[in-house]
Amino acid sequence: MDDLVGLGHRTFAYLGEARRDEPQTDRWEGFRAALERFGLPVPEPLFTRPDDLTAQWLDRAVRDGATAVLVEAVSLVRVLAAMARLRDLDIPGDLSLVLLVDDPGGESGLDPIATLRIPRNAMGRRAVSLLTSQITDPVGDYERQILLPCTHTLDGTVAPPRGVA
């Protein structure tokens, strides 16, 4: 969010998955907290399935001034990008898109795409290490939640909003 705001984005939209588990909730809460920290308006999120996403949502987001959309799932960003193309919206010229998960197989159809890169291998190593420790010492005192840093790229689908140098 710091980088997007640094580029000049001030109005955002948020498109999330209908199923809300801890990772989805954490992404939304981090987004909301960042906007509040910057004193920017927090949009009403849309939590939906790809089949239920409507072009009217995109039209409303653009009409409300959104210059960037954060998207929780590859399936949602694929549908959103297709709708944007049908509306002759240039990505990233008219609308920047950020995918909040990895897209290693290029399933989004946007290459390159701005993404949040989740350290899945490191997460797996930590989980195996914790499990091994618990098996060898079941009464040990172990950290149950460990936060690992994510990285990101803004390549491909993010640009400053029109009119911002």
N, C-alpha and C. Protein backbone atom coordinates (compact mmCIF):
# COMPACT_ATOMS: atom_id res chain seq x y z
N MET A 1 0.82 -1.18 0.00
CA MET A 1 0.00 0.00 0.00
C MET A 1 0.87 1.25 0.00
N ASP A 2 1.98 1.19 0.72
CA ASP A 2 2.88 2.35 0.74
C ASP A 2 3.33 2.70 -0.68
N ASP A 3 3.68 1.68 -1.47
CA ASP A 3 4.14 1.93 -2.83
C ASP A 3 3.02 2.47 -3.71
N LEU A 4 1.82 1.94 -3.57
CA LEU A 4 0.70 2.43 -4.37
C LEU A 4 0.36 3.87 -4.04
N VAL A 5 0.34 4.20 -2.77
CA VAL A 5 0.09 5.58 -2.36
C VAL A 5 1.24 6.46 -2.85
N GLY A 6 2.46 5.95 -2.76
CA GLY A 6 3.62 6.71 -3.25
C GLY A 6 3.53 7.02 -4.74
N LEU A 7 2.87 6.17 -5.50
CA LEU A 7 2.67 6.40 -6.93
C LEU A 7 1.57 7.42 -7.21
N GLY A 8 0.77 7.73 -6.18
CA GLY A 8 -0.30 8.70 -6.36
C GLY A 8 -1.71 8.16 -6.24
N HIS A 9 -1.86 6.88 -6.02
CA HIS A 9 -3.20 6.31 -5.86
C HIS A 9 -3.80 6.78 -4.54
N ARG A 10 -5.06 7.21 -4.60
CA ARG A 10 -5.74 7.69 -3.39
C ARG A 10 -7.11 7.06 -3.19
N THR A 11 -7.65 6.46 -4.26
CA THR A 11 -8.96 5.81 -4.17
C THR A 11 -8.82 4.39 -4.68
N PHE A 12 -9.24 3.46 -3.84
CA PHE A 12 -9.03 2.04 -4.10
C PHE A 12 -10.35 1.28 -4.10
N ALA A 13 -10.31 0.10 -4.70
CA ALA A 13 -11.40 -0.86 -4.60
C ALA A 13 -10.78 -2.17 -4.12
N TYR A 14 -11.61 -3.01 -3.49
CA TYR A 14 -11.11 -4.28 -2.96
C TYR A 14 -12.06 -5.38 -3.35
N LEU A 15 -11.51 -6.40 -4.00
CA LEU A 15 -12.29 -7.53 -4.49
C LEU A 15 -11.77 -8.79 -3.83
N GLY A 16 -12.60 -9.40 -3.00
CA GLY A 16 -12.15 -10.56 -2.24
C GLY A 16 -12.98 -11.80 -2.50
N GLU A 17 -12.46 -12.90 -2.03
CA GLU A 17 -13.14 -14.18 -2.18
C GLU A 17 -14.36 -14.27 -1.27
N ALA A 18 -15.37 -14.99 -1.73
CA ALA A 18 -16.58 -15.17 -0.93
C ALA A 18 -16.26 -15.94 0.35
N ARG A 19 -15.42 -16.94 0.23
CA ARG A 19 -15.04 -17.73 1.40
C ARG A 19 -13.98 -16.96 2.19
N ARG A 20 -14.27 -16.71 3.44
CA ARG A 20 -13.39 -15.88 4.26
C ARG A 20 -12.69 -16.75 5.31
N ASP A 21 -11.45 -17.09 5.05
CA ASP A 21 -10.63 -17.80 6.02
C ASP A 21 -9.61 -16.80 6.58
N GLU A 22 -8.74 -17.26 7.44
CA GLU A 22 -7.78 -16.35 8.08
C GLU A 22 -6.93 -15.55 7.09
N PRO A 23 -6.37 -16.17 6.04
CA PRO A 23 -5.55 -15.38 5.11
C PRO A 23 -6.35 -14.26 4.43
N GLN A 24 -7.58 -14.55 4.01
CA GLN A 24 -8.40 -13.53 3.37
C GLN A 24 -8.75 -12.41 4.34
N THR A 25 -9.10 -12.78 5.55
CA THR A 25 -9.42 -11.78 6.57
C THR A 25 -8.20 -10.91 6.88
N ASP A 26 -7.03 -11.55 6.99
CA ASP A 26 -5.80 -10.79 7.27
C ASP A 26 -5.48 -9.81 6.14
N ARG A 27 -5.68 -10.22 4.89
CA ARG A 27 -5.40 -9.33 3.76
C ARG A 27 -6.31 -8.11 3.80
N TRP A 28 -7.61 -8.34 4.01
CA TRP A 28 -8.54 -7.23 4.08
C TRP A 28 -8.19 -6.30 5.25
N GLU A 29 -7.91 -6.86 6.41
CA GLU A 29 -7.61 -6.04 7.58
C GLU A 29 -6.33 -5.22 7.38
N GLY A 30 -5.32 -5.81 6.73
CA GLY A 30 -4.09 -5.08 6.44
C GLY A 30 -4.34 -3.94 5.47
N PHE A 31 -5.15 -4.17 4.46
CA PHE A 31 -5.52 -3.15 3.49
C PHE A 31 -6.27 -2.01 4.18
N ARG A 32 -7.27 -2.37 4.97
CA ARG A 32 -8.08 -1.38 5.68
C ARG A 32 -7.22 -0.54 6.62
N ALA A 33 -6.35 -1.21 7.37
CA ALA A 33 -5.48 -0.51 8.32
C ALA A 33 -4.53 0.45 7.59
N ALA A 34 -4.02 0.05 6.44
CA ALA A 34 -3.11 0.92 5.68
C ALA A 34 -3.85 2.17 5.20
N LEU A 35 -5.05 1.99 4.69
CA LEU A 35 -5.81 3.16 4.24
C LEU A 35 -6.10 4.11 5.40
N GLU A 36 -6.46 3.54 6.54
CA GLU A 36 -6.72 4.38 7.71
C GLU A 36 -5.46 5.12 8.14
N ARG A 37 -4.31 4.44 8.07
CA ARG A 37 -3.04 5.07 8.44
C ARG A 37 -2.74 6.26 7.54
N PHE A 38 -3.10 6.15 6.26
CA PHE A 38 -2.87 7.24 5.31
C PHE A 38 -4.00 8.28 5.32
N GLY A 39 -5.06 8.01 6.08
CA GLY A 39 -6.20 8.93 6.11
C GLY A 39 -7.00 8.90 4.82
N LEU A 40 -6.96 7.76 4.12
CA LEU A 40 -7.69 7.61 2.86
C LEU A 40 -9.00 6.88 3.09
N PRO A 41 -9.99 7.10 2.23
CA PRO A 41 -11.28 6.42 2.40
C PRO A 41 -11.16 4.91 2.22
N VAL A 42 -11.85 4.19 3.08
CA VAL A 42 -11.88 2.73 3.01
C VAL A 42 -13.11 2.34 2.20
N PRO A 43 -12.91 1.66 1.07
CA PRO A 43 -14.07 1.30 0.24
C PRO A 43 -14.85 0.14 0.85
N GLU A 44 -16.07 0.02 0.42
CA GLU A 44 -16.87 -1.16 0.78
C GLU A 44 -16.30 -2.32 -0.04
N PRO A 45 -15.80 -3.36 0.61
CA PRO A 45 -15.23 -4.47 -0.17
C PRO A 45 -16.34 -5.30 -0.81
N LEU A 46 -15.99 -5.98 -1.86
CA LEU A 46 -16.89 -6.97 -2.45
C LEU A 46 -16.25 -8.33 -2.23
N PHE A 47 -16.95 -9.20 -1.51
CA PHE A 47 -16.50 -10.58 -1.31
C PHE A 47 -17.44 -11.45 -2.13
N THR A 48 -16.91 -12.08 -3.17
CA THR A 48 -17.77 -12.77 -4.12
C THR A 48 -17.05 -13.95 -4.77
N ARG A 49 -17.82 -14.71 -5.51
CA ARG A 49 -17.26 -15.77 -6.35
C ARG A 49 -17.06 -15.20 -7.76
N PRO A 50 -16.12 -15.74 -8.53
CA PRO A 50 -15.90 -15.21 -9.88
C PRO A 50 -17.17 -15.20 -10.74
N ASP A 51 -17.99 -16.24 -10.63
CA ASP A 51 -19.21 -16.31 -11.43
C ASP A 51 -20.23 -15.24 -11.06
N ASP A 52 -20.10 -14.67 -9.88
CA ASP A 52 -21.06 -13.67 -9.41
C ASP A 52 -20.57 -12.24 -9.56
N LEU A 53 -19.34 -12.06 -10.02
CA LEU A 53 -18.79 -10.72 -10.21
C LEU A 53 -19.49 -10.06 -11.39
N THR A 54 -19.96 -8.84 -11.20
CA THR A 54 -20.68 -8.16 -12.27
C THR A 54 -19.89 -6.97 -12.78
N ALA A 55 -20.13 -6.64 -14.04
CA ALA A 55 -19.50 -5.47 -14.64
C ALA A 55 -19.99 -4.20 -13.96
N GLN A 56 -21.18 -4.23 -13.39
CA GLN A 56 -21.71 -3.07 -12.68
C GLN A 56 -20.83 -2.73 -11.48
N TRP A 57 -20.24 -3.74 -10.82
CA TRP A 57 -19.33 -3.47 -9.71
C TRP A 57 -18.11 -2.69 -10.21
N LEU A 58 -17.54 -3.15 -11.33
CA LEU A 58 -16.39 -2.47 -11.91
C LEU A 58 -16.77 -1.04 -12.32
N ASP A 59 -17.91 -0.89 -12.98
CA ASP A 59 -18.37 0.43 -13.40
C ASP A 59 -18.49 1.37 -12.19
N ARG A 60 -19.06 0.88 -11.11
CA ARG A 60 -19.25 1.70 -9.90
C ARG A 60 -17.90 2.07 -9.29
N ALA A 61 -16.97 1.09 -9.23
CA ALA A 61 -15.65 1.36 -8.66
C ALA A 61 -14.94 2.46 -9.45
N VAL A 62 -14.98 2.37 -10.78
CA VAL A 62 -14.33 3.38 -11.62
C VAL A 62 -15.05 4.72 -11.48
N ARG A 63 -16.38 4.70 -11.48
CA ARG A 63 -17.15 5.94 -11.33
C ARG A 63 -16.86 6.61 -9.98
N ASP A 64 -16.62 5.79 -8.95
CA ASP A 64 -16.30 6.32 -7.62
C ASP A 64 -14.85 6.80 -7.50
N GLY A 65 -14.09 6.65 -8.59
CA GLY A 65 -12.74 7.19 -8.62
C GLY A 65 -11.62 6.21 -8.34
N ALA A 66 -11.93 4.92 -8.21
CA ALA A 66 -10.87 3.94 -7.94
C ALA A 66 -9.86 3.94 -9.08
N THR A 67 -8.60 4.04 -8.70
CA THR A 67 -7.52 3.96 -9.69
C THR A 67 -6.72 2.67 -9.51
N ALA A 68 -6.99 1.94 -8.43
CA ALA A 68 -6.31 0.67 -8.18
C ALA A 68 -7.28 -0.28 -7.49
N VAL A 69 -7.22 -1.53 -7.89
CA VAL A 69 -8.04 -2.58 -7.29
C VAL A 69 -7.12 -3.65 -6.74
N LEU A 70 -7.32 -4.01 -5.48
CA LEU A 70 -6.60 -5.13 -4.89
C LEU A 70 -7.51 -6.34 -4.93
N VAL A 71 -6.96 -7.47 -5.40
CA VAL A 71 -7.76 -8.66 -5.68
C VAL A 71 -7.16 -9.87 -4.97
N GLU A 72 -8.01 -10.63 -4.29
CA GLU A 72 -7.53 -11.75 -3.47
C GLU A 72 -7.28 -13.05 -4.21
N ALA A 73 -7.81 -13.24 -5.40
CA ALA A 73 -7.71 -14.54 -6.05
C ALA A 73 -7.44 -14.41 -7.55
N VAL A 74 -6.70 -15.37 -8.07
CA VAL A 74 -6.39 -15.40 -9.50
C VAL A 74 -7.68 -15.46 -10.31
N SER A 75 -8.63 -16.28 -9.89
CA SER A 75 -9.88 -16.42 -10.64
C SER A 75 -10.64 -15.10 -10.70
N LEU A 76 -10.61 -14.33 -9.63
CA LEU A 76 -11.28 -13.03 -9.62
C LEU A 76 -10.56 -12.01 -10.50
N VAL A 77 -9.24 -11.98 -10.46
CA VAL A 77 -8.50 -11.01 -11.28
C VAL A 77 -8.65 -11.34 -12.76
N ARG A 78 -8.76 -12.62 -13.09
CA ARG A 78 -8.94 -13.01 -14.49
C ARG A 78 -10.28 -12.46 -15.02
N VAL A 79 -11.35 -12.61 -14.24
CA VAL A 79 -12.66 -12.11 -14.65
C VAL A 79 -12.65 -10.58 -14.69
N LEU A 80 -12.06 -9.96 -13.68
CA LEU A 80 -12.01 -8.50 -13.62
C LEU A 80 -11.25 -7.93 -14.81
N ALA A 81 -10.13 -8.52 -15.16
CA ALA A 81 -9.33 -8.04 -16.30
C ALA A 81 -10.13 -8.18 -17.60
N ALA A 82 -10.86 -9.27 -17.77
CA ALA A 82 -11.70 -9.44 -18.97
C ALA A 82 -12.78 -8.37 -19.03
N MET A 83 -13.40 -8.09 -17.90
CA MET A 83 -14.42 -7.03 -17.87
C MET A 83 -13.81 -5.67 -18.19
N ALA A 84 -12.62 -5.41 -17.68
CA ALA A 84 -11.95 -4.13 -17.96
C ALA A 84 -11.67 -4.00 -19.45
N ARG A 85 -11.21 -5.08 -20.07
CA ARG A 85 -10.95 -5.05 -21.52
C ARG A 85 -12.23 -4.76 -22.30
N LEU A 86 -13.34 -5.38 -21.90
CA LEU A 86 -14.63 -5.14 -22.57
C LEU A 86 -15.09 -3.70 -22.41
N ARG A 87 -14.63 -3.04 -21.37
CA ARG A 87 -14.98 -1.65 -21.10
C ARG A 87 -13.93 -0.69 -21.69
N ASP A 88 -12.96 -1.24 -22.44
CA ASP A 88 -11.87 -0.45 -23.02
C ASP A 88 -11.06 0.28 -21.95
N LEU A 89 -10.95 -0.32 -20.78
CA LEU A 89 -10.10 0.22 -19.72
C LEU A 89 -8.70 -0.36 -19.90
N ASP A 90 -7.71 0.52 -19.94
CA ASP A 90 -6.33 0.08 -20.08
C ASP A 90 -5.78 -0.27 -18.70
N ILE A 91 -5.18 -1.45 -18.61
CA ILE A 91 -4.48 -1.86 -17.38
C ILE A 91 -3.00 -1.80 -17.72
N PRO A 92 -2.23 -0.98 -17.08
CA PRO A 92 -2.49 -0.21 -15.86
C PRO A 92 -2.82 1.27 -16.09
N GLY A 93 -2.95 1.70 -17.34
CA GLY A 93 -3.15 3.13 -17.60
C GLY A 93 -4.39 3.71 -16.93
N ASP A 94 -5.52 3.02 -17.07
CA ASP A 94 -6.77 3.49 -16.47
C ASP A 94 -7.01 2.90 -15.09
N LEU A 95 -6.52 1.71 -14.88
CA LEU A 95 -6.80 1.00 -13.64
C LEU A 95 -5.65 0.06 -13.32
N SER A 96 -5.07 0.24 -12.15
CA SER A 96 -4.00 -0.65 -11.70
C SER A 96 -4.62 -1.84 -10.97
N LEU A 97 -4.04 -3.02 -11.17
CA LEU A 97 -4.50 -4.23 -10.50
C LEU A 97 -3.36 -4.85 -9.72
N VAL A 98 -3.64 -5.26 -8.49
CA VAL A 98 -2.66 -5.96 -7.67
C VAL A 98 -3.30 -7.25 -7.18
N LEU A 99 -2.66 -8.36 -7.48
CA LEU A 99 -3.12 -9.68 -7.04
C LEU A 99 -2.45 -9.98 -5.70
N LEU A 100 -3.26 -10.30 -4.69
CA LEU A 100 -2.74 -10.49 -3.34
C LEU A 100 -2.30 -11.92 -3.05
N VAL A 101 -2.09 -12.70 -4.09
CA VAL A 101 -1.53 -14.06 -3.98
C VAL A 101 -0.57 -14.25 -5.14
N ASP A 102 0.22 -15.31 -5.08
CA ASP A 102 1.13 -15.63 -6.17
C ASP A 102 0.35 -16.10 -7.39
N ASP A 103 0.94 -15.91 -8.56
CA ASP A 103 0.40 -16.44 -9.81
C ASP A 103 1.53 -17.11 -10.58
N PRO A 104 2.13 -18.16 -9.97
CA PRO A 104 3.32 -18.75 -10.59
C PRO A 104 3.06 -19.38 -11.95
N GLY A 105 1.85 -19.86 -12.19
CA GLY A 105 1.55 -20.51 -13.46
C GLY A 105 1.02 -19.57 -14.51
N GLY A 106 0.92 -18.28 -14.19
CA GLY A 106 0.41 -17.31 -15.15
C GLY A 106 -1.06 -17.49 -15.46
N GLU A 107 -1.82 -18.05 -14.51
CA GLU A 107 -3.24 -18.32 -14.74
C GLU A 107 -4.09 -17.06 -14.87
N SER A 108 -3.57 -15.93 -14.40
CA SER A 108 -4.34 -14.69 -14.47
C SER A 108 -4.50 -14.21 -15.90
N GLY A 109 -3.60 -14.61 -16.78
CA GLY A 109 -3.62 -14.11 -18.15
C GLY A 109 -2.94 -12.76 -18.29
N LEU A 110 -2.46 -12.22 -17.18
CA LEU A 110 -1.75 -10.93 -17.18
C LEU A 110 -0.29 -11.22 -16.85
N ASP A 111 0.59 -10.95 -17.80
CA ASP A 111 1.99 -11.29 -17.57
C ASP A 111 2.86 -10.14 -18.03
N PRO A 112 3.57 -9.50 -17.15
CA PRO A 112 3.62 -9.79 -15.72
C PRO A 112 2.44 -9.14 -14.99
N ILE A 113 2.20 -9.60 -13.78
CA ILE A 113 1.13 -9.04 -12.95
C ILE A 113 1.71 -8.65 -11.60
N ALA A 114 1.27 -7.52 -11.10
CA ALA A 114 1.69 -7.07 -9.77
C ALA A 114 1.12 -8.05 -8.74
N THR A 115 1.99 -8.60 -7.91
CA THR A 115 1.54 -9.61 -6.94
C THR A 115 2.21 -9.44 -5.60
N LEU A 116 1.55 -10.01 -4.62
CA LEU A 116 2.12 -10.20 -3.30
C LEU A 116 2.73 -11.60 -3.35
N ARG A 117 3.99 -11.71 -3.03
CA ARG A 117 4.66 -13.01 -3.08
C ARG A 117 4.72 -13.59 -1.67
N ILE A 118 4.06 -14.70 -1.51
CA ILE A 118 3.94 -15.36 -0.21
C ILE A 118 5.07 -16.37 -0.08
N PRO A 119 5.79 -16.37 1.05
CA PRO A 119 6.94 -17.27 1.21
C PRO A 119 6.50 -18.70 1.55
N ARG A 120 5.87 -19.36 0.60
CA ARG A 120 5.28 -20.69 0.86
C ARG A 120 6.33 -21.74 1.24
N ASN A 121 7.48 -21.73 0.58
CA ASN A 121 8.52 -22.71 0.93
C ASN A 121 9.00 -22.50 2.36
N ALA A 122 9.22 -21.24 2.74
CA ALA A 122 9.66 -20.94 4.11
C ALA A 122 8.57 -21.33 5.10
N MET A 123 7.31 -21.11 4.73
CA MET A 123 6.20 -21.51 5.61
C MET A 123 6.20 -23.03 5.81
N GLY A 124 6.41 -23.74 4.72
CA GLY A 124 6.45 -25.21 4.81
C GLY A 124 7.60 -25.70 5.67
N ARG A 125 8.77 -25.09 5.49
CA ARG A 125 9.92 -25.48 6.31
C ARG A 125 9.66 -25.22 7.79
N ARG A 126 9.08 -24.07 8.11
CA ARG A 126 8.77 -23.74 9.51
C ARG A 126 7.74 -24.72 10.08
N ALA A 127 6.75 -25.07 9.28
CA ALA A 127 5.71 -26.00 9.74
C ALA A 127 6.30 -27.38 10.02
N VAL A 128 7.16 -27.87 9.13
CA VAL A 128 7.79 -29.18 9.33
C VAL A 128 8.70 -29.14 10.55
N SER A 129 9.43 -28.05 10.70
CA SER A 129 10.31 -27.91 11.87
C SER A 129 9.51 -27.92 13.16
N LEU A 130 8.41 -27.20 13.19
CA LEU A 130 7.55 -27.17 14.38
C LEU A 130 6.97 -28.55 14.66
N LEU A 131 6.48 -29.21 13.63
CA LEU A 131 5.91 -30.55 13.80
C LEU A 131 6.97 -31.53 14.32
N THR A 132 8.16 -31.49 13.75
CA THR A 132 9.25 -32.36 14.20
C THR A 132 9.58 -32.09 15.67
N SER A 133 9.63 -30.84 16.04
CA SER A 133 9.92 -30.48 17.44
C SER A 133 8.83 -30.99 18.37
N GLN A 134 7.60 -30.87 17.96
CA GLN A 134 6.49 -31.33 18.80
C GLN A 134 6.47 -32.85 18.94
N ILE A 135 6.88 -33.54 17.90
CA ILE A 135 6.94 -35.00 17.97
C ILE A 135 8.06 -35.45 18.90
N THR A 136 9.22 -34.79 18.80
CA THR A 136 10.36 -35.20 19.62
C THR A 136 10.26 -34.70 21.06
N ASP A 137 9.54 -33.60 21.28
CA ASP A 137 9.38 -33.04 22.63
C ASP A 137 7.95 -32.51 22.77
N PRO A 138 6.97 -33.40 23.01
CA PRO A 138 5.56 -32.99 23.02
C PRO A 138 5.21 -31.94 24.07
N VAL A 139 5.97 -31.82 25.13
CA VAL A 139 5.63 -30.86 26.19
C VAL A 139 6.40 -29.54 26.05
N GLY A 140 7.18 -29.42 25.01
CA GLY A 140 7.98 -28.20 24.80
C GLY A 140 7.11 -26.97 24.61
N ASP A 141 7.72 -25.83 24.84
CA ASP A 141 7.05 -24.55 24.66
C ASP A 141 7.45 -23.99 23.30
N TYR A 142 6.51 -23.99 22.34
CA TYR A 142 6.82 -23.61 20.98
C TYR A 142 5.99 -22.41 20.54
N GLU A 143 6.60 -21.58 19.70
CA GLU A 143 5.86 -20.50 19.08
C GLU A 143 4.86 -21.11 18.12
N ARG A 144 3.59 -20.80 18.31
CA ARG A 144 2.54 -21.37 17.47
C ARG A 144 2.26 -20.52 16.24
N GLN A 145 2.55 -19.24 16.31
CA GLN A 145 2.32 -18.36 15.17
C GLN A 145 3.60 -17.59 14.89
N ILE A 146 4.09 -17.75 13.68
CA ILE A 146 5.31 -17.08 13.27
C ILE A 146 4.99 -16.29 12.00
N LEU A 147 5.28 -15.01 12.01
CA LEU A 147 5.03 -14.18 10.85
C LEU A 147 6.28 -14.15 9.97
N LEU A 148 6.08 -14.45 8.71
CA LEU A 148 7.18 -14.42 7.74
C LEU A 148 6.93 -13.27 6.77
N PRO A 149 7.96 -12.54 6.40
CA PRO A 149 7.75 -11.39 5.51
C PRO A 149 7.41 -11.82 4.09
N CYS A 150 6.47 -11.10 3.50
CA CYS A 150 6.13 -11.29 2.09
C CYS A 150 6.90 -10.24 1.29
N THR A 151 7.09 -10.51 0.03
CA THR A 151 7.64 -9.52 -0.88
C THR A 151 6.56 -9.22 -1.92
N HIS A 152 6.83 -8.26 -2.78
CA HIS A 152 5.85 -7.95 -3.80
C HIS A 152 6.55 -7.37 -5.03
N THR A 153 5.80 -7.38 -6.10
CA THR A 153 6.24 -6.72 -7.32
C THR A 153 5.08 -5.89 -7.83
N LEU A 154 5.37 -4.76 -8.41
CA LEU A 154 4.35 -3.93 -9.02
C LEU A 154 4.46 -3.97 -10.54
N ASP A 155 5.21 -4.93 -11.05
CA ASP A 155 5.45 -5.04 -12.49
C ASP A 155 4.17 -5.36 -13.26
N GLY A 156 4.03 -4.71 -14.40
CA GLY A 156 3.00 -5.09 -15.36
C GLY A 156 1.66 -4.41 -15.21
N THR A 157 1.03 -4.52 -14.04
CA THR A 157 -0.35 -4.06 -13.92
C THR A 157 -0.52 -2.87 -12.98
N VAL A 158 0.57 -2.20 -12.65
CA VAL A 158 0.49 -1.01 -11.79
C VAL A 158 1.25 0.12 -12.44
N ALA A 159 0.61 1.29 -12.43
CA ALA A 159 1.23 2.52 -12.92
C ALA A 159 0.65 3.66 -12.09
N PRO A 160 1.29 4.81 -12.12
CA PRO A 160 0.68 5.97 -11.47
C PRO A 160 -0.68 6.26 -12.12
N PRO A 161 -1.62 6.78 -11.35
CA PRO A 161 -2.91 7.14 -11.97
C PRO A 161 -2.71 8.24 -12.99
N ARG A 162 -3.59 8.28 -13.97
CA ARG A 162 -3.51 9.31 -15.02
C ARG A 162 -3.52 10.69 -14.36
N GLY A 163 -2.69 11.58 -14.86
CA GLY A 163 -2.62 12.93 -14.34
C GLY A 163 -1.65 13.11 -13.20
N VAL A 164 -1.02 12.01 -12.76
CA VAL A 164 -0.03 12.09 -11.68
C VAL A 164 1.34 11.83 -12.31
N ALA A 165 2.24 12.74 -12.10
CA ALA A 165 3.57 12.59 -12.70
C ALA A 165 4.47 11.74 -11.84
